[in-house]
Amino acid sequence: MTAGQEAAQVLLWAGVGAALLCCLGVWWMRSVFDRLHYAAAATTLPPVLIGISALISGAGATSGTVEVVTAAGVLLLVNPLVTHAMGRTARQLVFDDVGPRPEDLADTDAGTAPEQAS
């Protein structure tokens, strides 16, 4: 086994391990927002590690490597959008509102208009 193949194996297993840790985090956490945090992490680090592993190993056809790298890239681009949408939906379901809560605004004067100088 060459050094490149060993590095690809290490990256592959690191990606699998990171995915398993994120799955454990989703399973272990109680809050929907904590679970969302781990679900977002599962679509960030593991695909990158597995994609780099596929690039280094170069095993199989070139089209397979391109597909793995493209899938990892799409996950990296779409992940923030999906995570944000899920977070907004969860906040709307939990707090029945997407905006800040009244206690969050207690320190600011959001409801008062600025006084005009005469």
Protein backbone atom coordinates (compact mmCIF):
# COMPACT_ATOMS: atom_id res chain seq x y z
CA MET A 1 0.00 0.00 0.00
CA THR A 2 1.41 3.38 -0.99
CA ALA A 3 1.53 6.48 1.18
CA GLY A 4 -1.29 8.05 -0.87
CA GLN A 5 -3.51 5.04 -0.33
CA GLU A 6 -2.78 5.07 3.41
CA ALA A 7 -3.60 8.78 3.61
CA ALA A 8 -6.85 8.14 1.71
CA GLN A 9 -7.76 5.36 4.14
CA VAL A 10 -7.06 7.60 7.15
CA LEU A 11 -9.20 10.41 5.69
CA LEU A 12 -11.98 7.99 4.81
CA TRP A 13 -12.11 6.55 8.32
CA ALA A 14 -11.86 10.02 9.83
CA GLY A 15 -14.89 11.05 7.73
CA VAL A 16 -16.82 7.97 8.82
CA GLY A 17 -15.88 8.59 12.46
CA ALA A 18 -16.94 12.24 12.26
CA ALA A 19 -20.28 11.21 10.73
CA LEU A 20 -20.84 8.68 13.51
CA LEU A 21 -20.04 11.28 16.18
CA CYS A 22 -22.52 13.69 14.61
CA CYS A 23 -25.16 10.95 14.53
CA LEU A 24 -24.52 10.27 18.21
CA GLY A 25 -24.90 14.00 18.90
CA VAL A 26 -28.24 14.09 17.09
CA TRP A 27 -29.39 11.05 19.05
CA TRP A 28 -28.12 12.30 22.45
CA MET A 29 -29.26 15.94 22.43
CA ARG A 30 -32.72 16.87 23.69
CA SER A 31 -33.27 20.31 22.16
CA VAL A 32 -34.25 20.62 18.52
CA PHE A 33 -31.69 23.40 18.12
CA ASP A 34 -28.87 21.26 19.53
CA ARG A 35 -29.88 18.45 17.20
CA LEU A 36 -29.87 20.88 14.29
CA HIS A 37 -26.31 21.87 15.22
CA TYR A 38 -25.10 18.27 15.00
CA ALA A 39 -27.06 17.59 11.82
CA ALA A 40 -25.43 20.59 10.16
CA ALA A 41 -22.00 19.41 11.27
CA ALA A 42 -22.71 16.00 9.73
CA THR A 43 -23.12 17.60 6.32
CA THR A 44 -19.96 19.70 6.59
CA LEU A 45 -16.87 17.89 7.86
CA PRO A 46 -17.49 14.22 6.91
CA PRO A 47 -18.22 14.91 3.20
CA VAL A 48 -15.10 17.04 2.95
CA LEU A 49 -12.92 14.32 4.46
CA ILE A 50 -14.47 11.62 2.29
CA GLY A 51 -14.21 13.82 -0.82
CA ILE A 52 -10.52 14.49 -0.20
CA SER A 53 -10.04 10.77 0.35
CA ALA A 54 -11.64 10.06 -3.02
CA LEU A 55 -9.41 12.65 -4.69
CA ILE A 56 -6.25 11.21 -3.16
CA SER A 57 -7.03 7.56 -3.83
CA GLY A 58 -8.20 8.07 -7.40
CA ALA A 59 -9.52 4.51 -7.32
CA GLY A 60 -12.08 3.62 -9.92
CA ALA A 61 -13.20 5.74 -12.81
CA THR A 62 -12.65 9.45 -12.96
CA SER A 63 -16.41 9.98 -13.14
CA GLY A 64 -16.82 8.35 -9.71
CA THR A 65 -14.29 10.74 -8.19
CA VAL A 66 -16.00 13.69 -9.86
CA GLU A 67 -19.37 12.54 -8.49
CA VAL A 68 -18.05 12.27 -4.93
CA VAL A 69 -16.39 15.68 -5.05
CA THR A 70 -19.49 17.25 -6.64
CA ALA A 71 -21.74 15.74 -3.96
CA ALA A 72 -19.46 17.08 -1.21
CA GLY A 73 -19.45 20.52 -2.86
CA VAL A 74 -23.24 20.61 -3.17
CA LEU A 75 -23.58 19.65 0.50
CA LEU A 76 -21.22 22.45 1.49
CA LEU A 77 -23.14 25.00 -0.57
CA VAL A 78 -26.68 23.93 0.36
CA ASN A 79 -26.03 23.13 4.05
CA PRO A 80 -26.26 26.74 5.35
CA LEU A 81 -29.52 27.35 3.51
CA VAL A 82 -31.18 24.17 4.74
CA THR A 83 -29.91 24.67 8.30
CA HIS A 84 -31.23 28.23 8.38
CA ALA A 85 -34.62 27.20 7.00
CA MET A 86 -34.91 24.35 9.51
CA GLY A 87 -33.90 26.67 12.36
CA ARG A 88 -36.52 29.25 11.39
CA THR A 89 -39.18 26.56 11.13
CA ALA A 90 -38.22 25.08 14.49
CA ARG A 91 -38.26 28.52 16.13
CA GLN A 92 -41.70 29.20 14.68
CA LEU A 93 -43.00 25.86 15.98
CA VAL A 94 -41.41 26.20 19.44
CA PHE A 95 -41.93 29.92 20.12
CA ASP A 96 -44.82 30.56 17.69
CA ASP A 97 -42.86 33.47 16.26
CA VAL A 98 -39.73 34.00 14.22
CA GLY A 99 -38.89 37.44 15.63
CA PRO A 100 -37.18 38.22 18.91
CA ARG A 101 -39.04 37.56 22.15
CA PRO A 102 -40.10 40.51 24.36
CA GLU A 103 -37.49 39.64 26.99
CA ASP A 104 -34.83 39.80 24.26
CA LEU A 105 -35.88 43.38 23.55
CA ALA A 106 -36.00 44.49 27.20
CA ASP A 107 -32.62 46.24 26.99
CA THR A 108 -33.45 48.21 23.85
CA ASP A 109 -36.00 50.90 23.11
CA ALA A 110 -37.29 49.27 19.92
CA GLY A 111 -40.85 50.49 20.45
CA THR A 112 -40.10 54.20 20.92
CA ALA A 113 -39.62 56.69 18.15
CA PRO A 114 -36.65 59.07 18.36
CA GLU A 115 -37.49 62.55 19.60
CA GLN A 116 -37.38 65.31 17.04
CA ALA A 117 -35.52 68.52 17.78
CA SER A 118 -37.68 71.62 17.43
